[in-house]
Amino acid sequence: MSDERNIAEIREVNLTYLMLAQKLIQQDKVEAMFRLGLSEDAADMLATLSAAQILKLATGNMLLCRFRVDDDLVWSLLTNQGARKVDNDATSRLHASILMAGRVAEVI
């Protein structure tokens, strides 16, 4: 894949993410903050962006969203691999969600 193609895909992801984030925030701010891992200030800012501002932000060559999963425990729970393998996939996902929710609460 060429660099130009990668940049185009990053821009597409940025636009999709910003539009989804704004929609979620406008529907239910608290739930959106939880699902997106955003602070209240970031959620307030995103909610007020105009379409032109969203387009301008999306055209950068750096991803605006990031993975919130940044440790081996949560990755192993989500993928159900490794030493902490659980027979019930729903239990693993629930445990991962609880861990991630605790981290969002720390940020907020």
N, C-alpha and C. Protein backbone atom coordinates (compact mmCIF):
# COMPACT_ATOMS: atom_id res chain seq x y z
N MET A 1 0.85 -1.18 0.00
CA MET A 1 0.00 0.00 0.00
C MET A 1 0.89 1.24 0.00
N SER A 2 0.56 2.20 -0.79
CA SER A 2 1.38 3.40 -0.89
C SER A 2 1.12 4.36 0.26
N ASP A 3 2.05 5.29 0.45
CA ASP A 3 1.88 6.29 1.50
C ASP A 3 0.63 7.14 1.26
N GLU A 4 0.37 7.50 0.02
CA GLU A 4 -0.82 8.30 -0.28
C GLU A 4 -2.09 7.56 0.09
N ARG A 5 -2.11 6.28 -0.18
CA ARG A 5 -3.29 5.46 0.15
C ARG A 5 -3.45 5.39 1.67
N ASN A 6 -2.36 5.22 2.38
CA ASN A 6 -2.42 5.18 3.85
C ASN A 6 -2.95 6.49 4.41
N ILE A 7 -2.47 7.60 3.89
CA ILE A 7 -2.92 8.91 4.36
C ILE A 7 -4.40 9.11 4.06
N ALA A 8 -4.84 8.68 2.89
CA ALA A 8 -6.26 8.78 2.53
C ALA A 8 -7.11 7.95 3.49
N GLU A 9 -6.64 6.79 3.86
CA GLU A 9 -7.38 5.94 4.79
C GLU A 9 -7.39 6.53 6.19
N ILE A 10 -6.29 7.13 6.61
CA ILE A 10 -6.26 7.82 7.91
C ILE A 10 -7.27 8.95 7.92
N ARG A 11 -7.34 9.71 6.87
CA ARG A 11 -8.31 10.82 6.79
C ARG A 11 -9.74 10.31 6.84
N GLU A 12 -9.99 9.19 6.18
CA GLU A 12 -11.33 8.60 6.20
C GLU A 12 -11.70 8.13 7.60
N VAL A 13 -10.75 7.49 8.28
CA VAL A 13 -10.98 7.05 9.66
C VAL A 13 -11.24 8.26 10.55
N ASN A 14 -10.45 9.32 10.39
CA ASN A 14 -10.65 10.54 11.19
C ASN A 14 -12.04 11.11 11.01
N LEU A 15 -12.47 11.22 9.77
CA LEU A 15 -13.79 11.78 9.49
C LEU A 15 -14.89 10.91 10.09
N THR A 16 -14.78 9.62 9.90
CA THR A 16 -15.78 8.69 10.44
C THR A 16 -15.81 8.77 11.96
N TYR A 17 -14.63 8.78 12.58
CA TYR A 17 -14.55 8.84 14.04
C TYR A 17 -15.15 10.14 14.58
N LEU A 18 -14.80 11.25 13.99
CA LEU A 18 -15.31 12.54 14.47
C LEU A 18 -16.83 12.63 14.32
N MET A 19 -17.33 12.15 13.20
CA MET A 19 -18.78 12.18 12.99
C MET A 19 -19.50 11.26 13.98
N LEU A 20 -18.97 10.07 14.19
CA LEU A 20 -19.56 9.15 15.15
C LEU A 20 -19.48 9.72 16.57
N ALA A 21 -18.33 10.25 16.93
CA ALA A 21 -18.17 10.82 18.28
C ALA A 21 -19.17 11.93 18.52
N GLN A 22 -19.31 12.82 17.56
CA GLN A 22 -20.24 13.93 17.72
C GLN A 22 -21.69 13.44 17.84
N LYS A 23 -22.03 12.46 17.04
CA LYS A 23 -23.39 11.89 17.10
C LYS A 23 -23.65 11.25 18.46
N LEU A 24 -22.70 10.44 18.94
CA LEU A 24 -22.86 9.80 20.23
C LEU A 24 -22.97 10.82 21.37
N ILE A 25 -22.15 11.84 21.31
CA ILE A 25 -22.17 12.88 22.35
C ILE A 25 -23.50 13.61 22.37
N GLN A 26 -24.02 13.91 21.21
CA GLN A 26 -25.30 14.62 21.13
C GLN A 26 -26.47 13.75 21.60
N GLN A 27 -26.36 12.43 21.42
CA GLN A 27 -27.42 11.53 21.86
C GLN A 27 -27.38 11.29 23.36
N ASP A 28 -26.21 11.04 23.90
CA ASP A 28 -26.07 10.76 25.33
C ASP A 28 -24.61 11.02 25.72
N LYS A 29 -24.38 12.20 26.25
CA LYS A 29 -23.01 12.65 26.53
C LYS A 29 -22.26 11.72 27.48
N VAL A 30 -22.89 11.32 28.56
CA VAL A 30 -22.22 10.49 29.56
C VAL A 30 -21.84 9.13 28.97
N GLU A 31 -22.77 8.51 28.25
CA GLU A 31 -22.46 7.22 27.63
C GLU A 31 -21.36 7.37 26.58
N ALA A 32 -21.41 8.44 25.82
CA ALA A 32 -20.39 8.68 24.80
C ALA A 32 -19.01 8.85 25.43
N MET A 33 -18.96 9.59 26.53
CA MET A 33 -17.68 9.77 27.23
C MET A 33 -17.12 8.43 27.66
N PHE A 34 -18.00 7.55 28.16
CA PHE A 34 -17.57 6.22 28.58
C PHE A 34 -17.09 5.40 27.38
N ARG A 35 -17.91 5.34 26.34
CA ARG A 35 -17.59 4.49 25.18
C ARG A 35 -16.36 4.97 24.43
N LEU A 36 -16.17 6.29 24.34
CA LEU A 36 -15.06 6.84 23.58
C LEU A 36 -13.82 7.10 24.44
N GLY A 37 -13.98 7.04 25.76
CA GLY A 37 -12.85 7.31 26.64
C GLY A 37 -12.45 8.77 26.65
N LEU A 38 -13.45 9.66 26.58
CA LEU A 38 -13.20 11.10 26.50
C LEU A 38 -13.44 11.79 27.83
N SER A 39 -12.74 12.87 28.05
CA SER A 39 -13.03 13.72 29.20
C SER A 39 -14.24 14.57 28.87
N GLU A 40 -14.81 15.18 29.88
CA GLU A 40 -15.98 16.03 29.65
C GLU A 40 -15.62 17.24 28.78
N ASP A 41 -14.45 17.81 28.99
CA ASP A 41 -14.02 18.95 28.18
C ASP A 41 -13.90 18.57 26.70
N ALA A 42 -13.31 17.41 26.44
CA ALA A 42 -13.18 16.96 25.05
C ALA A 42 -14.55 16.70 24.43
N ALA A 43 -15.44 16.08 25.21
CA ALA A 43 -16.79 15.81 24.71
C ALA A 43 -17.52 17.11 24.39
N ASP A 44 -17.40 18.10 25.27
CA ASP A 44 -18.05 19.39 25.03
C ASP A 44 -17.51 20.05 23.76
N MET A 45 -16.21 19.98 23.57
CA MET A 45 -15.60 20.59 22.38
C MET A 45 -16.06 19.89 21.11
N LEU A 46 -16.04 18.56 21.13
CA LEU A 46 -16.47 17.80 19.95
C LEU A 46 -17.94 18.06 19.61
N ALA A 47 -18.76 18.21 20.62
CA ALA A 47 -20.20 18.42 20.39
C ALA A 47 -20.48 19.73 19.66
N THR A 48 -19.60 20.70 19.81
CA THR A 48 -19.87 22.02 19.24
C THR A 48 -19.19 22.26 17.89
N LEU A 49 -18.44 21.28 17.39
CA LEU A 49 -17.74 21.48 16.11
C LEU A 49 -18.73 21.57 14.96
N SER A 50 -18.45 22.48 14.06
CA SER A 50 -19.26 22.59 12.84
C SER A 50 -18.79 21.53 11.84
N ALA A 51 -19.58 21.32 10.80
CA ALA A 51 -19.19 20.36 9.75
C ALA A 51 -17.86 20.77 9.12
N ALA A 52 -17.67 22.05 8.90
CA ALA A 52 -16.41 22.54 8.31
C ALA A 52 -15.23 22.26 9.23
N GLN A 53 -15.43 22.44 10.53
CA GLN A 53 -14.35 22.18 11.48
C GLN A 53 -14.01 20.69 11.52
N ILE A 54 -15.03 19.84 11.45
CA ILE A 54 -14.80 18.40 11.44
C ILE A 54 -14.01 18.01 10.20
N LEU A 55 -14.40 18.54 9.05
CA LEU A 55 -13.68 18.24 7.81
C LEU A 55 -12.23 18.70 7.89
N LYS A 56 -12.02 19.88 8.45
CA LYS A 56 -10.65 20.40 8.57
C LYS A 56 -9.80 19.52 9.49
N LEU A 57 -10.37 19.12 10.62
CA LEU A 57 -9.64 18.24 11.55
C LEU A 57 -9.33 16.89 10.91
N ALA A 58 -10.28 16.38 10.14
CA ALA A 58 -10.13 15.04 9.55
C ALA A 58 -9.05 14.98 8.48
N THR A 59 -8.68 16.10 7.90
CA THR A 59 -7.75 16.07 6.78
C THR A 59 -6.28 15.95 7.18
N GLY A 60 -6.02 15.88 8.45
CA GLY A 60 -4.63 15.69 8.89
C GLY A 60 -4.13 14.30 8.54
N ASN A 61 -2.83 14.10 8.68
CA ASN A 61 -2.26 12.79 8.35
C ASN A 61 -1.93 11.96 9.59
N MET A 62 -2.49 12.35 10.74
CA MET A 62 -2.28 11.63 11.98
C MET A 62 -3.64 11.20 12.53
N LEU A 63 -3.74 9.96 12.99
CA LEU A 63 -5.00 9.48 13.54
C LEU A 63 -5.42 10.30 14.76
N LEU A 64 -6.69 10.66 14.81
CA LEU A 64 -7.21 11.43 15.94
C LEU A 64 -7.72 10.52 17.06
N CYS A 65 -8.03 9.29 16.72
CA CYS A 65 -8.44 8.34 17.76
C CYS A 65 -7.26 7.42 18.06
N ARG A 66 -7.35 6.74 19.19
CA ARG A 66 -6.27 5.82 19.54
C ARG A 66 -6.86 4.63 20.27
N PHE A 67 -6.09 3.54 20.30
CA PHE A 67 -6.51 2.37 21.05
C PHE A 67 -6.43 2.69 22.53
N ARG A 68 -7.49 2.37 23.24
CA ARG A 68 -7.48 2.56 24.68
C ARG A 68 -6.92 1.33 25.38
N VAL A 69 -6.85 0.24 24.66
CA VAL A 69 -6.32 -0.99 25.24
C VAL A 69 -4.81 -0.91 25.14
N ASP A 70 -4.17 -0.74 26.28
CA ASP A 70 -2.73 -0.56 26.26
C ASP A 70 -1.98 -1.48 27.22
N ASP A 71 -2.63 -2.58 27.60
CA ASP A 71 -1.90 -3.53 28.43
C ASP A 71 -2.25 -4.96 28.04
N ASP A 72 -1.36 -5.86 28.40
CA ASP A 72 -1.50 -7.26 28.02
C ASP A 72 -2.74 -7.92 28.62
N LEU A 73 -3.12 -7.54 29.83
CA LEU A 73 -4.27 -8.17 30.48
C LEU A 73 -5.54 -7.94 29.67
N VAL A 74 -5.80 -6.70 29.31
CA VAL A 74 -7.03 -6.39 28.57
C VAL A 74 -6.98 -7.03 27.18
N TRP A 75 -5.83 -6.97 26.51
CA TRP A 75 -5.71 -7.62 25.20
C TRP A 75 -5.99 -9.11 25.30
N SER A 76 -5.43 -9.76 26.31
CA SER A 76 -5.64 -11.21 26.44
C SER A 76 -7.10 -11.52 26.76
N LEU A 77 -7.76 -10.67 27.52
CA LEU A 77 -9.18 -10.88 27.80
C LEU A 77 -10.03 -10.69 26.55
N LEU A 78 -9.73 -9.67 25.77
CA LEU A 78 -10.51 -9.41 24.57
C LEU A 78 -10.30 -10.47 23.49
N THR A 79 -9.08 -10.98 23.40
CA THR A 79 -8.79 -11.99 22.39
C THR A 79 -8.96 -13.41 22.93
N ASN A 80 -9.14 -13.51 24.25
CA ASN A 80 -9.30 -14.80 24.95
C ASN A 80 -8.14 -15.73 24.64
N GLN A 81 -6.93 -15.18 24.75
CA GLN A 81 -5.72 -15.95 24.54
C GLN A 81 -4.80 -15.78 25.74
N GLY A 82 -3.82 -16.60 25.81
CA GLY A 82 -2.82 -16.46 26.86
C GLY A 82 -3.18 -17.20 28.13
N ALA A 83 -2.44 -16.88 29.17
CA ALA A 83 -2.57 -17.59 30.44
C ALA A 83 -3.91 -17.36 31.11
N ARG A 84 -4.55 -16.25 30.82
CA ARG A 84 -5.82 -15.92 31.47
C ARG A 84 -7.03 -16.35 30.64
N LYS A 85 -6.87 -17.33 29.81
CA LYS A 85 -7.94 -17.80 28.93
C LYS A 85 -9.14 -18.27 29.76
N VAL A 86 -10.34 -17.85 29.34
CA VAL A 86 -11.58 -18.19 30.02
C VAL A 86 -12.47 -18.93 29.03
N ASP A 87 -13.21 -19.93 29.52
CA ASP A 87 -14.08 -20.70 28.64
C ASP A 87 -15.22 -19.87 28.07
N ASN A 88 -15.70 -18.90 28.81
CA ASN A 88 -16.84 -18.11 28.39
C ASN A 88 -16.36 -16.77 27.82
N ASP A 89 -16.55 -16.57 26.53
CA ASP A 89 -16.10 -15.35 25.87
C ASP A 89 -16.79 -14.11 26.44
N ALA A 90 -18.08 -14.23 26.77
CA ALA A 90 -18.81 -13.09 27.33
C ALA A 90 -18.20 -12.65 28.66
N THR A 91 -17.76 -13.60 29.45
CA THR A 91 -17.14 -13.27 30.74
C THR A 91 -15.84 -12.51 30.53
N SER A 92 -15.05 -12.94 29.55
CA SER A 92 -13.79 -12.25 29.25
C SER A 92 -14.05 -10.82 28.81
N ARG A 93 -15.01 -10.63 27.92
CA ARG A 93 -15.32 -9.29 27.42
C ARG A 93 -15.85 -8.40 28.55
N LEU A 94 -16.68 -8.96 29.41
CA LEU A 94 -17.21 -8.20 30.54
C LEU A 94 -16.07 -7.77 31.46
N HIS A 95 -15.17 -8.68 31.76
CA HIS A 95 -14.03 -8.34 32.61
C HIS A 95 -13.18 -7.23 31.97
N ALA A 96 -12.93 -7.34 30.67
CA ALA A 96 -12.16 -6.31 29.97
C ALA A 96 -12.89 -4.97 30.02
N SER A 97 -14.20 -4.99 29.84
CA SER A 97 -14.99 -3.75 29.89
C SER A 97 -14.92 -3.10 31.27
N ILE A 98 -14.97 -3.91 32.29
CA ILE A 98 -14.87 -3.39 33.67
C ILE A 98 -13.52 -2.73 33.89
N LEU A 99 -12.46 -3.40 33.45
CA LEU A 99 -11.12 -2.82 33.60
C LEU A 99 -10.99 -1.50 32.84
N MET A 100 -11.51 -1.46 31.61
CA MET A 100 -11.42 -0.24 30.79
C MET A 100 -12.29 0.87 31.39
N ALA A 101 -13.45 0.52 31.94
CA ALA A 101 -14.31 1.52 32.55
C ALA A 101 -13.63 2.17 33.75
N GLY A 102 -12.91 1.36 34.51
CA GLY A 102 -12.17 1.90 35.65
C GLY A 102 -11.12 2.90 35.22
N ARG A 103 -10.50 2.65 34.09
CA ARG A 103 -9.48 3.57 33.58
C ARG A 103 -10.10 4.86 33.08
N VAL A 104 -11.29 4.76 32.47
CA VAL A 104 -11.98 5.98 32.02
C VAL A 104 -12.37 6.81 33.23
N ALA A 105 -12.84 6.16 34.29
CA ALA A 105 -13.22 6.88 35.51
C ALA A 105 -12.04 7.62 36.10
N GLU A 106 -10.84 7.02 36.01
CA GLU A 106 -9.64 7.68 36.52
C GLU A 106 -9.34 8.96 35.75
N VAL A 107 -9.57 8.93 34.44
CA VAL A 107 -9.31 10.10 33.58
C VAL A 107 -10.29 11.21 33.87
N ILE A 108 -11.56 10.82 34.04
CA ILE A 108 -12.63 11.81 34.26
C ILE A 108 -12.50 12.35 35.65
